[in-house]
Amino acid sequence: MNCERTLPWVKAWHEKYASRGLIVIGVHSPEFFWERNLANVKDAVKRFGILYPIAIDNSFTVWDSYKTRFWPTLLLIDKGGVVRYAHVGEGAYDLTEQTIVRLLVE
């Protein structure tokens, strides 16, 4: 549910900044058993109108690699692959967008 509430912002950033170089990749690490089913994920992507790629992380490889512990977690990774910003939970949308803009001009 918390991830769903962040979608309007993430989708808007994708639409607004993709032409300037922002690459949005959603990572789906399932919280519940039924979320492991690829058909359910595809249905949700369609239902929510998500246009950016979604990586399926049923084994929690990405989750563990970034030491994620809570849903949602938002990471901004620079062109060199370095995590430059992390936010856990909802909110901080203005700060996140400011950071996106700053990273895009670097």
PDB file of N, CA and C in Angstrom:
ATOM      1  N   MET A   1       0.819  -1.196   0.000  1.00  0.00           N
ATOM      2  CA  MET A   1       0.000   0.000   0.000  1.00  0.00           C
ATOM      3  C   MET A   1       0.863   1.260   0.000  1.00  0.00           C
ATOM      4  N   ASN A   2       1.903   1.281   0.831  1.00  0.00           N
ATOM      5  CA  ASN A   2       2.756   2.467   0.878  1.00  0.00           C
ATOM      6  C   ASN A   2       3.417   2.737  -0.468  1.00  0.00           C
ATOM      7  N   CYS A   3       3.844   1.670  -1.145  1.00  0.00           N
ATOM      8  CA  CYS A   3       4.456   1.848  -2.457  1.00  0.00           C
ATOM      9  C   CYS A   3       3.452   2.437  -3.446  1.00  0.00           C
ATOM     10  N   GLU A   4       2.207   2.011  -3.356  1.00  0.00           N
ATOM     11  CA  GLU A   4       1.172   2.530  -4.247  1.00  0.00           C
ATOM     12  C   GLU A   4       1.001   4.032  -4.072  1.00  0.00           C
ATOM     13  N   ARG A   5       1.123   4.508  -2.860  1.00  0.00           N
ATOM     14  CA  ARG A   5       0.923   5.940  -2.610  1.00  0.00           C
ATOM     15  C   ARG A   5       2.077   6.788  -3.133  1.00  0.00           C
ATOM     16  N   THR A   6       3.224   6.187  -3.388  1.00  0.00           N
ATOM     17  CA  THR A   6       4.344   6.941  -3.962  1.00  0.00           C
ATOM     18  C   THR A   6       4.301   6.969  -5.489  1.00  0.00           C
ATOM     19  N   LEU A   7       3.511   6.101  -6.091  1.00  0.00           N
ATOM     20  CA  LEU A   7       3.480   5.981  -7.548  1.00  0.00           C
ATOM     21  C   LEU A   7       3.190   7.279  -8.292  1.00  0.00           C
ATOM     22  N   PRO A   8       2.248   8.107  -7.865  1.00  0.00           N
ATOM     23  CA  PRO A   8       2.006   9.331  -8.632  1.00  0.00           C
ATOM     24  C   PRO A   8       3.264  10.188  -8.798  1.00  0.00           C
ATOM     25  N   TRP A   9       4.074  10.252  -7.779  1.00  0.00           N
ATOM     26  CA  TRP A   9       5.299  11.056  -7.856  1.00  0.00           C
ATOM     27  C   TRP A   9       6.329  10.388  -8.758  1.00  0.00           C
ATOM     28  N   VAL A  10       6.546   9.100  -8.579  1.00  0.00           N
ATOM     29  CA  VAL A  10       7.552   8.397  -9.383  1.00  0.00           C
ATOM     30  C   VAL A  10       7.164   8.438 -10.859  1.00  0.00           C
ATOM     31  N   LYS A  11       5.893   8.209 -11.154  1.00  0.00           N
ATOM     32  CA  LYS A  11       5.428   8.274 -12.538  1.00  0.00           C
ATOM     33  C   LYS A  11       5.612   9.672 -13.114  1.00  0.00           C
ATOM     34  N   ALA A  12       5.316  10.690 -12.327  1.00  0.00           N
ATOM     35  CA  ALA A  12       5.474  12.074 -12.790  1.00  0.00           C
ATOM     36  C   ALA A  12       6.943  12.400 -13.060  1.00  0.00           C
ATOM     37  N   TRP A  13       7.835  11.947 -12.186  1.00  0.00           N
ATOM     38  CA  TRP A  13       9.265  12.194 -12.412  1.00  0.00           C
ATOM     39  C   TRP A  13       9.732  11.497 -13.680  1.00  0.00           C
ATOM     40  N   HIS A  14       9.260  10.294 -13.896  1.00  0.00           N
ATOM     41  CA  HIS A  14       9.615   9.562 -15.117  1.00  0.00           C
ATOM     42  C   HIS A  14       9.175  10.358 -16.347  1.00  0.00           C
ATOM     43  N   GLU A  15       7.947  10.821 -16.342  1.00  0.00           N
ATOM     44  CA  GLU A  15       7.414  11.573 -17.482  1.00  0.00           C
ATOM     45  C   GLU A  15       8.141  12.904 -17.669  1.00  0.00           C
ATOM     46  N   LYS A  16       8.434  13.577 -16.578  1.00  0.00           N
ATOM     47  CA  LYS A  16       9.011  14.923 -16.631  1.00  0.00           C
ATOM     48  C   LYS A  16      10.497  14.926 -16.971  1.00  0.00           C
ATOM     49  N   TYR A  17      11.239  13.944 -16.487  1.00  0.00           N
ATOM     50  CA  TYR A  17      12.696  14.008 -16.582  1.00  0.00           C
ATOM     51  C   TYR A  17      13.340  12.947 -17.469  1.00  0.00           C
ATOM     52  N   ALA A  18      12.575  12.037 -18.037  1.00  0.00           N
ATOM     53  CA  ALA A  18      13.175  11.001 -18.897  1.00  0.00           C
ATOM     54  C   ALA A  18      13.929  11.632 -20.062  1.00  0.00           C
ATOM     55  N   SER A  19      13.377  12.687 -20.631  1.00  0.00           N
ATOM     56  CA  SER A  19      14.033  13.336 -21.772  1.00  0.00           C
ATOM     57  C   SER A  19      15.336  14.023 -21.375  1.00  0.00           C
ATOM     58  N   ARG A  20      15.523  14.236 -20.079  1.00  0.00           N
ATOM     59  CA  ARG A  20      16.759  14.862 -19.582  1.00  0.00           C
ATOM     60  C   ARG A  20      17.753  13.823 -19.058  1.00  0.00           C
ATOM     61  N   GLY A  21      17.402  12.547 -19.158  1.00  0.00           N
ATOM     62  CA  GLY A  21      18.337  11.498 -18.792  1.00  0.00           C
ATOM     63  C   GLY A  21      17.968  10.664 -17.586  1.00  0.00           C
ATOM     64  N   LEU A  22      16.848  10.974 -16.925  1.00  0.00           N
ATOM     65  CA  LEU A  22      16.443  10.166 -15.775  1.00  0.00           C
ATOM     66  C   LEU A  22      15.976   8.794 -16.251  1.00  0.00           C
ATOM     67  N   ILE A  23      16.507   7.774 -15.640  1.00  0.00           N
ATOM     68  CA  ILE A  23      16.074   6.406 -15.914  1.00  0.00           C
ATOM     69  C   ILE A  23      15.433   5.878 -14.634  1.00  0.00           C
ATOM     70  N   VAL A  24      14.149   5.592 -14.716  1.00  0.00           N
ATOM     71  CA  VAL A  24      13.425   5.039 -13.573  1.00  0.00           C
ATOM     72  C   VAL A  24      13.312   3.535 -13.779  1.00  0.00           C
ATOM     73  N   ILE A  25      13.708   2.797 -12.770  1.00  0.00           N
ATOM     74  CA  ILE A  25      13.541   1.344 -12.774  1.00  0.00           C
ATOM     75  C   ILE A  25      12.876   0.968 -11.457  1.00  0.00           C
ATOM     76  N   GLY A  26      11.696   0.409 -11.551  1.00  0.00           N
ATOM     77  CA  GLY A  26      11.029  -0.083 -10.353  1.00  0.00           C
ATOM     78  C   GLY A  26      11.575  -1.457 -10.014  1.00  0.00           C
ATOM     79  N   VAL A  27      11.725  -1.722  -8.755  1.00  0.00           N
ATOM     80  CA  VAL A  27      12.161  -3.050  -8.312  1.00  0.00           C
ATOM     81  C   VAL A  27      11.046  -3.615  -7.444  1.00  0.00           C
ATOM     82  N   HIS A  28      10.476  -4.715  -7.890  1.00  0.00           N
ATOM     83  CA  HIS A  28       9.376  -5.337  -7.161  1.00  0.00           C
ATOM     84  C   HIS A  28       9.924  -6.447  -6.273  1.00  0.00           C
ATOM     85  N   SER A  29      10.004  -6.167  -4.985  1.00  0.00           N
ATOM     86  CA  SER A  29      10.391  -7.160  -3.973  1.00  0.00           C
ATOM     87  C   SER A  29       9.126  -7.474  -3.189  1.00  0.00           C
ATOM     88  N   PRO A  30       8.553  -8.653  -3.372  1.00  0.00           N
ATOM     89  CA  PRO A  30       7.220  -8.938  -2.843  1.00  0.00           C
ATOM     90  C   PRO A  30       7.164  -8.999  -1.319  1.00  0.00           C
ATOM     91  N   GLU A  31       6.161  -8.323  -0.801  1.00  0.00           N
ATOM     92  CA  GLU A  31       5.919  -8.369   0.641  1.00  0.00           C
ATOM     93  C   GLU A  31       5.050  -9.571   1.002  1.00  0.00           C
ATOM     94  N   PHE A  32       4.131  -9.930   0.111  1.00  0.00           N
ATOM     95  CA  PHE A  32       3.195 -11.018   0.358  1.00  0.00           C
ATOM     96  C   PHE A  32       3.384 -12.122  -0.681  1.00  0.00           C
ATOM     97  N   PHE A  33       3.007 -13.343  -0.336  1.00  0.00           N
ATOM     98  CA  PHE A  33       3.217 -14.491  -1.213  1.00  0.00           C
ATOM     99  C   PHE A  33       2.596 -14.286  -2.593  1.00  0.00           C
ATOM    100  N   TRP A  34       1.362 -13.794  -2.648  1.00  0.00           N
ATOM    101  CA  TRP A  34       0.675 -13.634  -3.927  1.00  0.00           C
ATOM    102  C   TRP A  34       1.364 -12.615  -4.831  1.00  0.00           C
ATOM    103  N   GLU A  35       2.203 -11.760  -4.256  1.00  0.00           N
ATOM    104  CA  GLU A  35       2.930 -10.767  -5.056  1.00  0.00           C
ATOM    105  C   GLU A  35       4.100 -11.388  -5.820  1.00  0.00           C
ATOM    106  N   ARG A  36       4.398 -12.656  -5.556  1.00  0.00           N
ATOM    107  CA  ARG A  36       5.471 -13.351  -6.274  1.00  0.00           C
ATOM    108  C   ARG A  36       5.014 -13.820  -7.660  1.00  0.00           C
ATOM    109  N   ASN A  37       3.720 -13.845  -7.881  1.00  0.00           N
ATOM    110  CA  ASN A  37       3.153 -14.329  -9.132  1.00  0.00           C
ATOM    111  C   ASN A  37       3.321 -13.261 -10.217  1.00  0.00           C
ATOM    112  N   LEU A  38       4.043 -13.602 -11.287  1.00  0.00           N
ATOM    113  CA  LEU A  38       4.330 -12.648 -12.349  1.00  0.00           C
ATOM    114  C   LEU A  38       3.062 -12.094 -12.989  1.00  0.00           C
ATOM    115  N   ALA A  39       2.046 -12.913 -13.148  1.00  0.00           N
ATOM    116  CA  ALA A  39       0.786 -12.442 -13.738  1.00  0.00           C
ATOM    117  C   ALA A  39       0.164 -11.351 -12.876  1.00  0.00           C
ATOM    118  N   ASN A  40       0.240 -11.490 -11.566  1.00  0.00           N
ATOM    119  CA  ASN A  40      -0.290 -10.460 -10.671  1.00  0.00           C
ATOM    120  C   ASN A  40       0.502  -9.162 -10.794  1.00  0.00           C
ATOM    121  N   VAL A  41       1.812  -9.286 -10.938  1.00  0.00           N
ATOM    122  CA  VAL A  41       2.656  -8.094 -11.094  1.00  0.00           C
ATOM    123  C   VAL A  41       2.331  -7.400 -12.409  1.00  0.00           C
ATOM    124  N   LYS A  42       2.231  -8.164 -13.484  1.00  0.00           N
ATOM    125  CA  LYS A  42       1.892  -7.580 -14.789  1.00  0.00           C
ATOM    126  C   LYS A  42       0.543  -6.878 -14.742  1.00  0.00           C
ATOM    127  N   ASP A  43      -0.415  -7.487 -14.060  1.00  0.00           N
ATOM    128  CA  ASP A  43      -1.735  -6.878 -13.919  1.00  0.00           C
ATOM    129  C   ASP A  43      -1.644  -5.550 -13.176  1.00  0.00           C
ATOM    130  N   ALA A  44      -0.861  -5.510 -12.111  1.00  0.00           N
ATOM    131  CA  ALA A  44      -0.707  -4.277 -11.327  1.00  0.00           C
ATOM    132  C   ALA A  44      -0.012  -3.195 -12.148  1.00  0.00           C
ATOM    133  N   VAL A  45       1.002  -3.561 -12.910  1.00  0.00           N
ATOM    134  CA  VAL A  45       1.711  -2.594 -13.758  1.00  0.00           C
ATOM    135  C   VAL A  45       0.732  -1.966 -14.744  1.00  0.00           C
ATOM    136  N   LYS A  46      -0.094  -2.783 -15.342  1.00  0.00           N
ATOM    137  CA  LYS A  46      -1.100  -2.282 -16.286  1.00  0.00           C
ATOM    138  C   LYS A  46      -2.145  -1.424 -15.571  1.00  0.00           C
ATOM    139  N   ARG A  47      -2.644  -1.910 -14.456  1.00  0.00           N
ATOM    140  CA  ARG A  47      -3.687  -1.204 -13.701  1.00  0.00           C
ATOM    141  C   ARG A  47      -3.215   0.173 -13.236  1.00  0.00           C
ATOM    142  N   PHE A  48      -1.958   0.272 -12.815  1.00  0.00           N
ATOM    143  CA  PHE A  48      -1.424   1.546 -12.321  1.00  0.00           C
ATOM    144  C   PHE A  48      -0.814   2.406 -13.424  1.00  0.00           C
ATOM    145  N   GLY A  49      -0.787   1.905 -14.652  1.00  0.00           N
ATOM    146  CA  GLY A  49      -0.265   2.691 -15.768  1.00  0.00           C
ATOM    147  C   GLY A  49       1.226   2.974 -15.664  1.00  0.00           C
ATOM    148  N   ILE A  50       1.974   2.005 -15.189  1.00  0.00           N
ATOM    149  CA  ILE A  50       3.421   2.170 -15.036  1.00  0.00           C
ATOM    150  C   ILE A  50       4.079   1.936 -16.395  1.00  0.00           C
ATOM    151  N   LEU A  51       4.853   2.924 -16.851  1.00  0.00           N
ATOM    152  CA  LEU A  51       5.464   2.856 -18.173  1.00  0.00           C
ATOM    153  C   LEU A  51       6.968   2.604 -18.138  1.00  0.00           C
ATOM    154  N   TYR A  52       7.554   2.580 -16.971  1.00  0.00           N
ATOM    155  CA  TYR A  52       8.991   2.319 -16.857  1.00  0.00           C
ATOM    156  C   TYR A  52       9.201   0.843 -16.505  1.00  0.00           C
ATOM    157  N   PRO A  53      10.411   0.325 -16.728  1.00  0.00           N
ATOM    158  CA  PRO A  53      10.650  -1.100 -16.462  1.00  0.00           C
ATOM    159  C   PRO A  53      10.566  -1.450 -14.981  1.00  0.00           C
ATOM    160  N   ILE A  54      10.118  -2.658 -14.734  1.00  0.00           N
ATOM    161  CA  ILE A  54      10.024  -3.192 -13.373  1.00  0.00           C
ATOM    162  C   ILE A  54      10.864  -4.467 -13.312  1.00  0.00           C
ATOM    163  N   ALA A  55      11.844  -4.474 -12.426  1.00  0.00           N
ATOM    164  CA  ALA A  55      12.651  -5.675 -12.192  1.00  0.00           C
ATOM    165  C   ALA A  55      11.955  -6.516 -11.128  1.00  0.00           C
ATOM    166  N   ILE A  56      11.838  -7.793 -11.385  1.00  0.00           N
ATOM    167  CA  ILE A  56      11.208  -8.703 -10.431  1.00  0.00           C
ATOM    168  C   ILE A  56      12.301  -9.252  -9.516  1.00  0.00           C
ATOM    169  N   ASP A  57      12.159  -8.997  -8.228  1.00  0.00           N
ATOM    170  CA  ASP A  57      13.187  -9.360  -7.242  1.00  0.00           C
ATOM    171  C   ASP A  57      12.626 -10.347  -6.218  1.00  0.00           C
ATOM    172  N   ASN A  58      12.039 -11.452  -6.719  1.00  0.00           N
ATOM    173  CA  ASN A  58      11.437 -12.439  -5.817  1.00  0.00           C
ATOM    174  C   ASN A  58      12.443 -13.057  -4.852  1.00  0.00           C
ATOM    175  N   SER A  59      13.700 -13.108  -5.238  1.00  0.00           N
ATOM    176  CA  SER A  59      14.728 -13.697  -4.373  1.00  0.00           C
ATOM    177  C   SER A  59      15.378 -12.658  -3.457  1.00  0.00           C
ATOM    178  N   PHE A  60      14.939 -11.405  -3.565  1.00  0.00           N
ATOM    179  CA  PHE A  60      15.424 -10.303  -2.730  1.00  0.00           C
ATOM    180  C   PHE A  60      16.915 -10.014  -2.924  1.00  0.00           C
ATOM    181  N   THR A  61      17.417 -10.304  -4.107  1.00  0.00           N
ATOM    182  CA  THR A  61      18.823 -10.034  -4.411  1.00  0.00           C
ATOM    183  C   THR A  61      19.101  -8.537  -4.424  1.00  0.00           C
ATOM    184  N   VAL A  62      18.281  -7.777  -5.124  1.00  0.00           N
ATOM    185  CA  VAL A  62      18.454  -6.317  -5.166  1.00  0.00           C
ATOM    186  C   VAL A  62      18.178  -5.735  -3.786  1.00  0.00           C
ATOM    187  N   TRP A  63      17.115  -6.182  -3.165  1.00  0.00           N
ATOM    188  CA  TRP A  63      16.739  -5.742  -1.812  1.00  0.00           C
ATOM    189  C   TRP A  63      17.925  -5.865  -0.861  1.00  0.00           C
ATOM    190  N   ASP A  64      18.550  -7.043  -0.852  1.00  0.00           N
ATOM    191  CA  ASP A  64      19.686  -7.285   0.040  1.00  0.00           C
ATOM    192  C   ASP A  64      20.924  -6.498  -0.374  1.00  0.00           C
ATOM    193  N   SER A  65      21.151  -6.366  -1.680  1.00  0.00           N
ATOM    194  CA  SER A  65      22.330  -5.643  -2.165  1.00  0.00           C
ATOM    195  C   SER A  65      22.359  -4.197  -1.688  1.00  0.00           C
ATOM    196  N   TYR A  66      21.191  -3.583  -1.610  1.00  0.00           N
ATOM    197  CA  TYR A  66      21.103  -2.186  -1.169  1.00  0.00           C
ATOM    198  C   TYR A  66      20.708  -2.064   0.298  1.00  0.00           C
ATOM    199  N   LYS A  67      20.723  -3.198   1.002  1.00  0.00           N
ATOM    200  CA  LYS A  67      20.408  -3.230   2.435  1.00  0.00           C
ATOM    201  C   LYS A  67      19.043  -2.602   2.734  1.00  0.00           C
ATOM    202  N   THR A  68      18.088  -2.877   1.852  1.00  0.00           N
ATOM    203  CA  THR A  68      16.732  -2.375   2.017  1.00  0.00           C
ATOM    204  C   THR A  68      16.055  -3.133   3.154  1.00  0.00           C
ATOM    205  N   ARG A  69      15.248  -2.428   3.919  1.00  0.00           N
ATOM    206  CA  ARG A  69      14.542  -3.074   5.026  1.00  0.00           C
ATOM    207  C   ARG A  69      13.050  -2.749   5.058  1.00  0.00           C
ATOM    208  N   PHE A  70      12.637  -1.722   4.319  1.00  0.00           N
ATOM    209  CA  PHE A  70      11.237  -1.298   4.390  1.00  0.00           C
ATOM    210  C   PHE A  70      10.725  -0.917   3.010  1.00  0.00           C
ATOM    211  N   TRP A  71       9.407  -1.028   2.854  1.00  0.00           N
ATOM    212  CA  TRP A  71       8.708  -0.591   1.646  1.00  0.00           C
ATOM    213  C   TRP A  71       8.033   0.735   1.928  1.00  0.00           C
ATOM    214  N   PRO A  72       8.064   1.671   1.063  1.00  0.00           N
ATOM    215  CA  PRO A  72       8.933   1.777  -0.107  1.00  0.00           C
ATOM    216  C   PRO A  72      10.300   2.360   0.271  1.00  0.00           C
ATOM    217  N   THR A  73      11.278   2.038  -0.518  1.00  0.00           N
ATOM    218  CA  THR A  73      12.589   2.672  -0.418  1.00  0.00           C
ATOM    219  C   THR A  73      12.913   3.235  -1.791  1.00  0.00           C
ATOM    220  N   LEU A  74      13.299   4.496  -1.820  1.00  0.00           N
ATOM    221  CA  LEU A  74      13.628   5.173  -3.066  1.00  0.00           C
ATOM    222  C   LEU A  74      15.113   5.481  -3.062  1.00  0.00           C
ATOM    223  N   LEU A  75      15.799   5.048  -4.104  1.00  0.00           N
ATOM    224  CA  LEU A  75      17.234   5.311  -4.237  1.00  0.00           C
ATOM    225  C   LEU A  75      17.475   6.105  -5.509  1.00  0.00           C
ATOM    226  N   LEU A  76      18.320   7.113  -5.425  1.00  0.00           N
ATOM    227  CA  LEU A  76      18.784   7.819  -6.611  1.00  0.00           C
ATOM    228  C   LEU A  76      20.246   7.454  -6.788  1.00  0.00           C
ATOM    229  N   ILE A  77      20.537   6.883  -7.931  1.00  0.00           N
ATOM    230  CA  ILE A  77      21.872   6.378  -8.227  1.00  0.00           C
ATOM    231  C   ILE A  77      22.441   7.215  -9.369  1.00  0.00           C
ATOM    232  N   ASP A  78      23.640   7.735  -9.180  1.00  0.00           N
ATOM    233  CA  ASP A  78      24.211   8.615 -10.203  1.00  0.00           C
ATOM    234  C   ASP A  78      24.749   7.823 -11.394  1.00  0.00           C
ATOM    235  N   LYS A  79      25.258   8.547 -12.377  1.00  0.00           N
ATOM    236  CA  LYS A  79      25.743   7.925 -13.615  1.00  0.00           C
ATOM    237  C   LYS A  79      26.897   6.966 -13.374  1.00  0.00           C
ATOM    238  N   GLY A  80      27.589   7.134 -12.261  1.00  0.00           N
ATOM    239  CA  GLY A  80      28.692   6.252 -11.919  1.00  0.00           C
ATOM    240  C   GLY A  80      28.276   5.038 -11.112  1.00  0.00           C
ATOM    241  N   GLY A  81      26.982   4.928 -10.821  1.00  0.00           N
ATOM    242  CA  GLY A  81      26.472   3.789 -10.069  1.00  0.00           C
ATOM    243  C   GLY A  81      26.522   3.948  -8.563  1.00  0.00           C
ATOM    244  N   VAL A  82      26.747   5.175  -8.105  1.00  0.00           N
ATOM    245  CA  VAL A  82      26.841   5.451  -6.669  1.00  0.00           C
ATOM    246  C   VAL A  82      25.486   5.923  -6.150  1.00  0.00           C
ATOM    247  N   VAL A  83      25.030   5.335  -5.057  1.00  0.00           N
ATOM    248  CA  VAL A  83      23.785   5.791  -4.430  1.00  0.00           C
ATOM    249  C   VAL A  83      24.054   7.162  -3.826  1.00  0.00           C
ATOM    250  N   ARG A  84      23.336   8.159  -4.329  1.00  0.00           N
ATOM    251  CA  ARG A  84      23.542   9.533  -3.877  1.00  0.00           C
ATOM    252  C   ARG A  84      22.428  10.028  -2.968  1.00  0.00           C
ATOM    253  N   TYR A  85      21.323   9.292  -2.938  1.00  0.00           N
ATOM    254  CA  TYR A  85      20.171   9.718  -2.143  1.00  0.00           C
ATOM    255  C   TYR A  85      19.346   8.481  -1.836  1.00  0.00           C
ATOM    256  N   ALA A  86      18.860   8.411  -0.618  1.00  0.00           N
ATOM    257  CA  ALA A  86      17.970   7.319  -0.223  1.00  0.00           C
ATOM    258  C   ALA A  86      16.878   7.883   0.667  1.00  0.00           C
ATOM    259  N   HIS A  87      15.676   7.420   0.442  1.00  0.00           N
ATOM    260  CA  HIS A  87      14.558   7.808   1.302  1.00  0.00           C
ATOM    261  C   HIS A  87      13.714   6.564   1.564  1.00  0.00           C
ATOM    262  N   VAL A  88      13.395   6.348   2.811  1.00  0.00           N
ATOM    263  CA  VAL A  88      12.572   5.210   3.214  1.00  0.00           C
ATOM    264  C   VAL A  88      11.211   5.737   3.635  1.00  0.00           C
ATOM    265  N   GLY A  89      10.162   5.121   3.108  1.00  0.00           N
ATOM    266  CA  GLY A  89       8.808   5.521   3.459  1.00  0.00           C
ATOM    267  C   GLY A  89       8.248   6.528   2.474  1.00  0.00           C
ATOM    268  N   GLU A  90       7.086   7.021   2.817  1.00  0.00           N
ATOM    269  CA  GLU A  90       6.437   8.021   1.978  1.00  0.00           C
ATOM    270  C   GLU A  90       6.996   9.398   2.309  1.00  0.00           C
ATOM    271  N   GLY A  91       6.687  10.365   1.443  1.00  0.00           N
ATOM    272  CA  GLY A  91       7.051  11.749   1.723  1.00  0.00           C
ATOM    273  C   GLY A  91       8.397  12.146   1.150  1.00  0.00           C
ATOM    274  N   ALA A  92       8.829  13.351   1.515  1.00  0.00           N
ATOM    275  CA  ALA A  92      10.081  13.960   1.031  1.00  0.00           C
ATOM    276  C   ALA A  92      10.080  14.101  -0.489  1.00  0.00           C
ATOM    277  N   TYR A  93       8.913  14.287  -1.076  1.00  0.00           N
ATOM    278  CA  TYR A  93       8.813  14.343  -2.530  1.00  0.00           C
ATOM    279  C   TYR A  93       9.512  15.572  -3.103  1.00  0.00           C
ATOM    280  N   ASP A  94       9.398  16.713  -2.444  1.00  0.00           N
ATOM    281  CA  ASP A  94      10.079  17.917  -2.933  1.00  0.00           C
ATOM    282  C   ASP A  94      11.589  17.749  -2.887  1.00  0.00           C
ATOM    283  N   LEU A  95      12.101  17.239  -1.780  1.00  0.00           N
ATOM    284  CA  LEU A  95      13.540  17.021  -1.649  1.00  0.00           C
ATOM    285  C   LEU A  95      14.031  15.998  -2.673  1.00  0.00           C
ATOM    286  N   THR A  96      13.258  14.968  -2.890  1.00  0.00           N
ATOM    287  CA  THR A  96      13.635  13.956  -3.879  1.00  0.00           C
ATOM    288  C   THR A  96      13.718  14.580  -5.264  1.00  0.00           C
ATOM    289  N   GLU A  97      12.721  15.374  -5.631  1.00  0.00           N
ATOM    290  CA  GLU A  97      12.739  16.001  -6.957  1.00  0.00           C
ATOM    291  C   GLU A  97      13.894  16.982  -7.086  1.00  0.00           C
ATOM    292  N   GLN A  98      14.167  17.738  -6.050  1.00  0.00           N
ATOM    293  CA  GLN A  98      15.314  18.656  -6.085  1.00  0.00           C
ATOM    294  C   GLN A  98      16.611  17.885  -6.313  1.00  0.00           C
ATOM    295  N   THR A  99      16.727  16.736  -5.686  1.00  0.00           N
ATOM    296  CA  THR A  99      17.928  15.912  -5.839  1.00  0.00           C
ATOM    297  C   THR A  99      18.010  15.341  -7.247  1.00  0.00           C
ATOM    298  N   ILE A 100      16.882  14.928  -7.803  1.00  0.00           N
ATOM    299  CA  ILE A 100      16.857  14.449  -9.191  1.00  0.00           C
ATOM    300  C   ILE A 100      17.394  15.527 -10.117  1.00  0.00           C
ATOM    301  N   VAL A 101      16.877  16.733  -9.980  1.00  0.00           N
ATOM    302  CA  VAL A 101      17.286  17.845 -10.841  1.00  0.00           C
ATOM    303  C   VAL A 101      18.782  18.110 -10.696  1.00  0.00           C
ATOM    304  N   ARG A 102      19.254  18.117  -9.469  1.00  0.00           N
ATOM    305  CA  ARG A 102      20.681  18.375  -9.220  1.00  0.00           C
ATOM    306  C   ARG A 102      21.550  17.297  -9.861  1.00  0.00           C
ATOM    307  N   LEU A 103      21.153  16.041  -9.712  1.00  0.00           N
ATOM    308  CA  LEU A 103      21.947  14.950 -10.279  1.00  0.00           C
ATOM    309  C   LEU A 103      21.929  14.954 -11.807  1.00  0.00           C
ATOM    310  N   LEU A 104      20.836  15.399 -12.392  1.00  0.00           N
ATOM    311  CA  LEU A 104      20.747  15.422 -13.854  1.00  0.00           C
ATOM    312  C   LEU A 104      21.689  16.437 -14.484  1.00  0.00           C
ATOM    313  N   VAL A 105      22.058  17.473 -13.755  1.00  0.00           N
ATOM    314  CA  VAL A 105      22.958  18.485 -14.324  1.00  0.00           C
ATOM    315  C   VAL A 105      24.428  18.195 -14.039  1.00  0.00           C
ATOM    316  N   GLU A 106      24.698  17.187 -13.252  1.00  0.00           N
ATOM    317  CA  GLU A 106      26.102  16.837 -12.953  1.00  0.00           C
ATOM    318  C   GLU A 106      26.759  16.158 -14.138  1.00  0.00           C
TER     319      GLU A 106
END
